[in-house]
Amino acid sequence: MDWKQHISTDPGILHGVACFTGTRIPVTVVLDNLADGAQPADLLRQYPALRTEQIQAALGYAAELARERIVPTPA
């Protein structure tokens, strides 16, 4: 999955927050919902402009961020 085909930033849209290309849906909305236990089908119902491949792209984006940045975790 090449998430770069589905996620973009534009300073004129939501102050440059990473969104799904062609929408104003921030990637963090999808990731936060998935982390809280939402199912992809739930997200697709809640956000009609969202597509399945964009949800997969969000996971790929998060995985790449996790590789690039060390986040402190409790011992």
PDB file of N, CA and C in Angstrom:
ATOM      1  N   MET A   1       0.847  -1.189   0.000  1.00  0.00           N
ATOM      2  CA  MET A   1       0.000   0.000   0.000  1.00  0.00           C
ATOM      3  C   MET A   1       0.884   1.241   0.000  1.00  0.00           C
ATOM      4  N   ASP A   2       0.745   2.055  -1.014  1.00  0.00           N
ATOM      5  CA  ASP A   2       1.462   3.325  -1.072  1.00  0.00           C
ATOM      6  C   ASP A   2       0.535   4.408  -0.542  1.00  0.00           C
ATOM      7  N   TRP A   3       0.671   4.713   0.746  1.00  0.00           N
ATOM      8  CA  TRP A   3      -0.234   5.668   1.378  1.00  0.00           C
ATOM      9  C   TRP A   3      -0.121   7.052   0.753  1.00  0.00           C
ATOM     10  N   LYS A   4       0.996   7.360   0.123  1.00  0.00           N
ATOM     11  CA  LYS A   4       1.200   8.697  -0.453  1.00  0.00           C
ATOM     12  C   LYS A   4       0.223   9.009  -1.581  1.00  0.00           C
ATOM     13  N   GLN A   5      -0.393   7.989  -2.142  1.00  0.00           N
ATOM     14  CA  GLN A   5      -1.409   8.208  -3.176  1.00  0.00           C
ATOM     15  C   GLN A   5      -2.752   8.637  -2.580  1.00  0.00           C
ATOM     16  N   HIS A   6      -2.909   8.476  -1.267  1.00  0.00           N
ATOM     17  CA  HIS A   6      -4.207   8.707  -0.636  1.00  0.00           C
ATOM     18  C   HIS A   6      -4.204   9.794   0.431  1.00  0.00           C
ATOM     19  N   ILE A   7      -3.019  10.225   0.850  1.00  0.00           N
ATOM     20  CA  ILE A   7      -2.912  11.198   1.942  1.00  0.00           C
ATOM     21  C   ILE A   7      -2.086  12.378   1.465  1.00  0.00           C
ATOM     22  N   SER A   8      -2.564  13.573   1.793  1.00  0.00           N
ATOM     23  CA  SER A   8      -1.827  14.774   1.388  1.00  0.00           C
ATOM     24  C   SER A   8      -1.985  15.858   2.447  1.00  0.00           C
ATOM     25  N   THR A   9      -1.136  16.852   2.339  1.00  0.00           N
ATOM     26  CA  THR A   9      -1.235  18.027   3.196  1.00  0.00           C
ATOM     27  C   THR A   9      -1.299  19.254   2.310  1.00  0.00           C
ATOM     28  N   ASP A  10      -2.070  20.218   2.746  1.00  0.00           N
ATOM     29  CA  ASP A  10      -2.226  21.474   2.014  1.00  0.00           C
ATOM     30  C   ASP A  10      -2.451  22.555   3.060  1.00  0.00           C
ATOM     31  N   PRO A  11      -1.569  23.553   3.107  1.00  0.00           N
ATOM     32  CA  PRO A  11      -1.727  24.601   4.111  1.00  0.00           C
ATOM     33  C   PRO A  11      -3.095  25.295   4.056  1.00  0.00           C
ATOM     34  N   GLY A  12      -3.762  25.221   2.917  1.00  0.00           N
ATOM     35  CA  GLY A  12      -5.072  25.846   2.773  1.00  0.00           C
ATOM     36  C   GLY A  12      -6.236  24.967   3.229  1.00  0.00           C
ATOM     37  N   ILE A  13      -5.935  23.720   3.585  1.00  0.00           N
ATOM     38  CA  ILE A  13      -6.982  22.803   4.048  1.00  0.00           C
ATOM     39  C   ILE A  13      -6.622  22.345   5.450  1.00  0.00           C
ATOM     40  N   LEU A  14      -7.458  22.702   6.407  1.00  0.00           N
ATOM     41  CA  LEU A  14      -7.267  22.336   7.816  1.00  0.00           C
ATOM     42  C   LEU A  14      -5.859  22.655   8.313  1.00  0.00           C
ATOM     43  N   HIS A  15      -5.347  23.794   7.890  1.00  0.00           N
ATOM     44  CA  HIS A  15      -4.038  24.298   8.332  1.00  0.00           C
ATOM     45  C   HIS A  15      -2.897  23.322   8.063  1.00  0.00           C
ATOM     46  N   GLY A  16      -3.009  22.527   7.010  1.00  0.00           N
ATOM     47  CA  GLY A  16      -1.934  21.624   6.631  1.00  0.00           C
ATOM     48  C   GLY A  16      -1.943  20.276   7.330  1.00  0.00           C
ATOM     49  N   VAL A  17      -3.010  19.981   8.057  1.00  0.00           N
ATOM     50  CA  VAL A  17      -3.127  18.665   8.710  1.00  0.00           C
ATOM     51  C   VAL A  17      -3.228  17.592   7.626  1.00  0.00           C
ATOM     52  N   ALA A  18      -2.605  16.448   7.857  1.00  0.00           N
ATOM     53  CA  ALA A  18      -2.674  15.345   6.888  1.00  0.00           C
ATOM     54  C   ALA A  18      -4.122  14.878   6.751  1.00  0.00           C
ATOM     55  N   CYS A  19      -4.642  14.945   5.514  1.00  0.00           N
ATOM     56  CA  CYS A  19      -6.025  14.551   5.208  1.00  0.00           C
ATOM     57  C   CYS A  19      -6.003  13.568   4.041  1.00  0.00           C
ATOM     58  N   PHE A  20      -7.114  12.899   3.870  1.00  0.00           N
ATOM     59  CA  PHE A  20      -7.247  12.030   2.707  1.00  0.00           C
ATOM     60  C   PHE A  20      -7.458  12.920   1.498  1.00  0.00           C
ATOM     61  N   THR A  21      -6.688  12.684   0.470  1.00  0.00           N
ATOM     62  CA  THR A  21      -6.702  13.501  -0.730  1.00  0.00           C
ATOM     63  C   THR A  21      -8.121  13.654  -1.262  1.00  0.00           C
ATOM     64  N   GLY A  22      -8.495  14.901  -1.520  1.00  0.00           N
ATOM     65  CA  GLY A  22      -9.818  15.201  -2.054  1.00  0.00           C
ATOM     66  C   GLY A  22     -10.900  15.321  -0.992  1.00  0.00           C
ATOM     67  N   THR A  23     -10.505  15.203   0.285  1.00  0.00           N
ATOM     68  CA  THR A  23     -11.477  15.342   1.374  1.00  0.00           C
ATOM     69  C   THR A  23     -10.928  16.305   2.414  1.00  0.00           C
ATOM     70  N   ARG A  24     -11.741  16.574   3.398  1.00  0.00           N
ATOM     71  CA  ARG A  24     -11.311  17.337   4.562  1.00  0.00           C
ATOM     72  C   ARG A  24     -11.323  16.433   5.793  1.00  0.00           C
ATOM     73  N   ILE A  25     -11.164  15.153   5.565  1.00  0.00           N
ATOM     74  CA  ILE A  25     -11.154  14.179   6.661  1.00  0.00           C
ATOM     75  C   ILE A  25      -9.702  13.977   7.101  1.00  0.00           C
ATOM     76  N   PRO A  26      -9.381  14.388   8.327  1.00  0.00           N
ATOM     77  CA  PRO A  26      -8.013  14.193   8.809  1.00  0.00           C
ATOM     78  C   PRO A  26      -7.709  12.712   9.021  1.00  0.00           C
ATOM     79  N   VAL A  27      -6.492  12.329   8.727  1.00  0.00           N
ATOM     80  CA  VAL A  27      -6.054  10.956   8.925  1.00  0.00           C
ATOM     81  C   VAL A  27      -6.194  10.569  10.398  1.00  0.00           C
ATOM     82  N   THR A  28      -5.950  11.512  11.291  1.00  0.00           N
ATOM     83  CA  THR A  28      -6.032  11.217  12.722  1.00  0.00           C
ATOM     84  C   THR A  28      -7.432  10.790  13.148  1.00  0.00           C
ATOM     85  N   VAL A  29      -8.457  11.265  12.456  1.00  0.00           N
ATOM     86  CA  VAL A  29      -9.827  10.857  12.788  1.00  0.00           C
ATOM     87  C   VAL A  29      -9.974   9.356  12.594  1.00  0.00           C
ATOM     88  N   VAL A  30      -9.473   8.852  11.496  1.00  0.00           N
ATOM     89  CA  VAL A  30      -9.564   7.418  11.218  1.00  0.00           C
ATOM     90  C   VAL A  30      -8.705   6.636  12.212  1.00  0.00           C
ATOM     91  N   LEU A  31      -7.468   7.082  12.429  1.00  0.00           N
ATOM     92  CA  LEU A  31      -6.585   6.357  13.338  1.00  0.00           C
ATOM     93  C   LEU A  31      -7.123   6.363  14.764  1.00  0.00           C
ATOM     94  N   ASP A  32      -7.626   7.494  15.224  1.00  0.00           N
ATOM     95  CA  ASP A  32      -8.191   7.564  16.578  1.00  0.00           C
ATOM     96  C   ASP A  32      -9.382   6.624  16.728  1.00  0.00           C
ATOM     97  N   ASN A  33     -10.249   6.602  15.730  1.00  0.00           N
ATOM     98  CA  ASN A  33     -11.417   5.727  15.788  1.00  0.00           C
ATOM     99  C   ASN A  33     -11.012   4.257  15.771  1.00  0.00           C
ATOM    100  N   LEU A  34     -10.063   3.889  14.930  1.00  0.00           N
ATOM    101  CA  LEU A  34      -9.593   2.507  14.896  1.00  0.00           C
ATOM    102  C   LEU A  34      -8.964   2.123  16.236  1.00  0.00           C
ATOM    103  N   ALA A  35      -8.193   3.032  16.806  1.00  0.00           N
ATOM    104  CA  ALA A  35      -7.561   2.771  18.103  1.00  0.00           C
ATOM    105  C   ALA A  35      -8.600   2.583  19.206  1.00  0.00           C
ATOM    106  N   ASP A  36      -9.745   3.233  19.062  1.00  0.00           N
ATOM    107  CA  ASP A  36     -10.826   3.100  20.044  1.00  0.00           C
ATOM    108  C   ASP A  36     -11.709   1.887  19.791  1.00  0.00           C
ATOM    109  N   GLY A  37     -11.368   1.094  18.773  1.00  0.00           N
ATOM    110  CA  GLY A  37     -12.102  -0.133  18.523  1.00  0.00           C
ATOM    111  C   GLY A  37     -13.138  -0.072  17.418  1.00  0.00           C
ATOM    112  N   ALA A  38     -13.242   1.053  16.734  1.00  0.00           N
ATOM    113  CA  ALA A  38     -14.200   1.147  15.628  1.00  0.00           C
ATOM    114  C   ALA A  38     -13.783   0.196  14.509  1.00  0.00           C
ATOM    115  N   GLN A  39     -14.753  -0.329  13.832  1.00  0.00           N
ATOM    116  CA  GLN A  39     -14.508  -1.196  12.686  1.00  0.00           C
ATOM    117  C   GLN A  39     -14.475  -0.346  11.418  1.00  0.00           C
ATOM    118  N   PRO A  40     -13.704  -0.753  10.417  1.00  0.00           N
ATOM    119  CA  PRO A  40     -13.673   0.015   9.168  1.00  0.00           C
ATOM    120  C   PRO A  40     -15.067   0.267   8.590  1.00  0.00           C
ATOM    121  N   ALA A  41     -15.957  -0.699   8.687  1.00  0.00           N
ATOM    122  CA  ALA A  41     -17.321  -0.514   8.166  1.00  0.00           C
ATOM    123  C   ALA A  41     -18.032   0.629   8.880  1.00  0.00           C
ATOM    124  N   ASP A  42     -17.768   0.787  10.179  1.00  0.00           N
ATOM    125  CA  ASP A  42     -18.359   1.895  10.935  1.00  0.00           C
ATOM    126  C   ASP A  42     -17.886   3.232  10.378  1.00  0.00           C
ATOM    127  N   LEU A  43     -16.585   3.307  10.105  1.00  0.00           N
ATOM    128  CA  LEU A  43     -16.021   4.557   9.581  1.00  0.00           C
ATOM    129  C   LEU A  43     -16.573   4.877   8.201  1.00  0.00           C
ATOM    130  N   LEU A  44     -16.735   3.852   7.380  1.00  0.00           N
ATOM    131  CA  LEU A  44     -17.268   4.074   6.035  1.00  0.00           C
ATOM    132  C   LEU A  44     -18.705   4.582   6.088  1.00  0.00           C
ATOM    133  N   ARG A  45     -19.459   4.141   7.089  1.00  0.00           N
ATOM    134  CA  ARG A  45     -20.836   4.650   7.255  1.00  0.00           C
ATOM    135  C   ARG A  45     -20.836   6.086   7.778  1.00  0.00           C
ATOM    136  N   GLN A  46     -19.942   6.366   8.723  1.00  0.00           N
ATOM    137  CA  GLN A  46     -19.894   7.699   9.329  1.00  0.00           C
ATOM    138  C   GLN A  46     -19.337   8.759   8.383  1.00  0.00           C
ATOM    139  N   TYR A  47     -18.450   8.355   7.503  1.00  0.00           N
ATOM    140  CA  TYR A  47     -17.791   9.287   6.579  1.00  0.00           C
ATOM    141  C   TYR A  47     -17.987   8.779   5.154  1.00  0.00           C
ATOM    142  N   PRO A  48     -19.093   9.134   4.519  1.00  0.00           N
ATOM    143  CA  PRO A  48     -19.405   8.613   3.177  1.00  0.00           C
ATOM    144  C   PRO A  48     -18.344   8.911   2.120  1.00  0.00           C
ATOM    145  N   ALA A  49     -17.541   9.951   2.313  1.00  0.00           N
ATOM    146  CA  ALA A  49     -16.499  10.275   1.337  1.00  0.00           C
ATOM    147  C   ALA A  49     -15.268   9.377   1.496  1.00  0.00           C
ATOM    148  N   LEU A  50     -15.203   8.640   2.585  1.00  0.00           N
ATOM    149  CA  LEU A  50     -14.060   7.779   2.876  1.00  0.00           C
ATOM    150  C   LEU A  50     -14.166   6.464   2.108  1.00  0.00           C
ATOM    151  N   ARG A  51     -13.019   5.958   1.655  1.00  0.00           N
ATOM    152  CA  ARG A  51     -12.981   4.681   0.933  1.00  0.00           C
ATOM    153  C   ARG A  51     -12.104   3.683   1.703  1.00  0.00           C
ATOM    154  N   THR A  52     -12.338   2.424   1.466  1.00  0.00           N
ATOM    155  CA  THR A  52     -11.596   1.363   2.156  1.00  0.00           C
ATOM    156  C   THR A  52     -10.091   1.527   1.996  1.00  0.00           C
ATOM    157  N   GLU A  53      -9.638   1.846   0.796  1.00  0.00           N
ATOM    158  CA  GLU A  53      -8.199   1.973   0.576  1.00  0.00           C
ATOM    159  C   GLU A  53      -7.605   3.143   1.353  1.00  0.00           C
ATOM    160  N   GLN A  54      -8.413   4.137   1.686  1.00  0.00           N
ATOM    161  CA  GLN A  54      -7.919   5.253   2.489  1.00  0.00           C
ATOM    162  C   GLN A  54      -7.703   4.821   3.939  1.00  0.00           C
ATOM    163  N   ILE A  55      -8.542   3.932   4.429  1.00  0.00           N
ATOM    164  CA  ILE A  55      -8.344   3.406   5.779  1.00  0.00           C
ATOM    165  C   ILE A  55      -7.040   2.618   5.824  1.00  0.00           C
ATOM    166  N   GLN A  56      -6.790   1.813   4.804  1.00  0.00           N
ATOM    167  CA  GLN A  56      -5.529   1.072   4.728  1.00  0.00           C
ATOM    168  C   GLN A  56      -4.345   2.025   4.623  1.00  0.00           C
ATOM    169  N   ALA A  57      -4.524   3.111   3.879  1.00  0.00           N
ATOM    170  CA  ALA A  57      -3.462   4.109   3.740  1.00  0.00           C
ATOM    171  C   ALA A  57      -3.154   4.755   5.086  1.00  0.00           C
ATOM    172  N   ALA A  58      -4.180   5.002   5.891  1.00  0.00           N
ATOM    173  CA  ALA A  58      -3.973   5.590   7.219  1.00  0.00           C
ATOM    174  C   ALA A  58      -3.098   4.684   8.074  1.00  0.00           C
ATOM    175  N   LEU A  59      -3.326   3.383   7.982  1.00  0.00           N
ATOM    176  CA  LEU A  59      -2.506   2.441   8.747  1.00  0.00           C
ATOM    177  C   LEU A  59      -1.071   2.423   8.240  1.00  0.00           C
ATOM    178  N   GLY A  60      -0.895   2.497   6.931  1.00  0.00           N
ATOM    179  CA  GLY A  60       0.445   2.564   6.367  1.00  0.00           C
ATOM    180  C   GLY A  60       1.172   3.836   6.768  1.00  0.00           C
ATOM    181  N   TYR A  61       0.449   4.934   6.788  1.00  0.00           N
ATOM    182  CA  TYR A  61       0.994   6.233   7.209  1.00  0.00           C
ATOM    183  C   TYR A  61       1.445   6.151   8.668  1.00  0.00           C
ATOM    184  N   ALA A  62       0.599   5.593   9.518  1.00  0.00           N
ATOM    185  CA  ALA A  62       0.930   5.462  10.936  1.00  0.00           C
ATOM    186  C   ALA A  62       2.136   4.549  11.138  1.00  0.00           C
ATOM    187  N   ALA A  63       2.201   3.478  10.373  1.00  0.00           N
ATOM    188  CA  ALA A  63       3.338   2.563  10.487  1.00  0.00           C
ATOM    189  C   ALA A  63       4.638   3.267  10.103  1.00  0.00           C
ATOM    190  N   GLU A  64       4.582   4.049   9.058  1.00  0.00           N
ATOM    191  CA  GLU A  64       5.799   4.772   8.655  1.00  0.00           C
ATOM    192  C   GLU A  64       6.196   5.799   9.698  1.00  0.00           C
ATOM    193  N   LEU A  65       5.237   6.494  10.266  1.00  0.00           N
ATOM    194  CA  LEU A  65       5.550   7.452  11.323  1.00  0.00           C
ATOM    195  C   LEU A  65       6.179   6.748  12.521  1.00  0.00           C
ATOM    196  N   ALA A  66       5.679   5.577  12.856  1.00  0.00           N
ATOM    197  CA  ALA A  66       6.219   4.829  13.989  1.00  0.00           C
ATOM    198  C   ALA A  66       7.667   4.409  13.734  1.00  0.00           C
ATOM    199  N   ARG A  67       8.000   4.123  12.490  1.00  0.00           N
ATOM    200  CA  ARG A  67       9.378   3.761  12.157  1.00  0.00           C
ATOM    201  C   ARG A  67      10.306   4.966  12.213  1.00  0.00           C
ATOM    202  N   GLU A  68       9.774   6.129  11.922  1.00  0.00           N
ATOM    203  CA  GLU A  68      10.596   7.330  11.805  1.00  0.00           C
ATOM    204  C   GLU A  68      10.759   8.091  13.117  1.00  0.00           C
ATOM    205  N   ARG A  69       9.940   7.804  14.081  1.00  0.00           N
ATOM    206  CA  ARG A  69       9.948   8.601  15.303  1.00  0.00           C
ATOM    207  C   ARG A  69       9.880   7.672  16.506  1.00  0.00           C
ATOM    208  N   ILE A  70      10.684   7.943  17.486  1.00  0.00           N
ATOM    209  CA  ILE A  70      10.639   7.150  18.703  1.00  0.00           C
ATOM    210  C   ILE A  70       9.691   7.831  19.674  1.00  0.00           C
ATOM    211  N   VAL A  71       8.678   7.091  20.085  1.00  0.00           N
ATOM    212  CA  VAL A  71       7.701   7.605  21.028  1.00  0.00           C
ATOM    213  C   VAL A  71       7.982   6.975  22.380  1.00  0.00           C
ATOM    214  N   PRO A  72       8.161   7.785  23.418  1.00  0.00           N
ATOM    215  CA  PRO A  72       8.431   7.215  24.738  1.00  0.00           C
ATOM    216  C   PRO A  72       7.262   6.322  25.185  1.00  0.00           C
ATOM    217  N   THR A  73       7.609   5.161  25.713  1.00  0.00           N
ATOM    218  CA  THR A  73       6.593   4.263  26.254  1.00  0.00           C
ATOM    219  C   THR A  73       6.937   3.952  27.699  1.00  0.00           C
ATOM    220  N   PRO A  74       5.914   3.676  28.507  1.00  0.00           N
ATOM    221  CA  PRO A  74       6.191   3.356  29.912  1.00  0.00           C
ATOM    222  C   PRO A  74       7.005   2.070  30.035  1.00  0.00           C
ATOM    223  N   ALA A  75       7.864   2.022  31.017  1.00  0.00           N
ATOM    224  CA  ALA A  75       8.711   0.839  31.233  1.00  0.00           C
ATOM    225  C   ALA A  75       7.908  -0.299  31.836  1.00  0.00           C
TER     226      ALA A  75
END
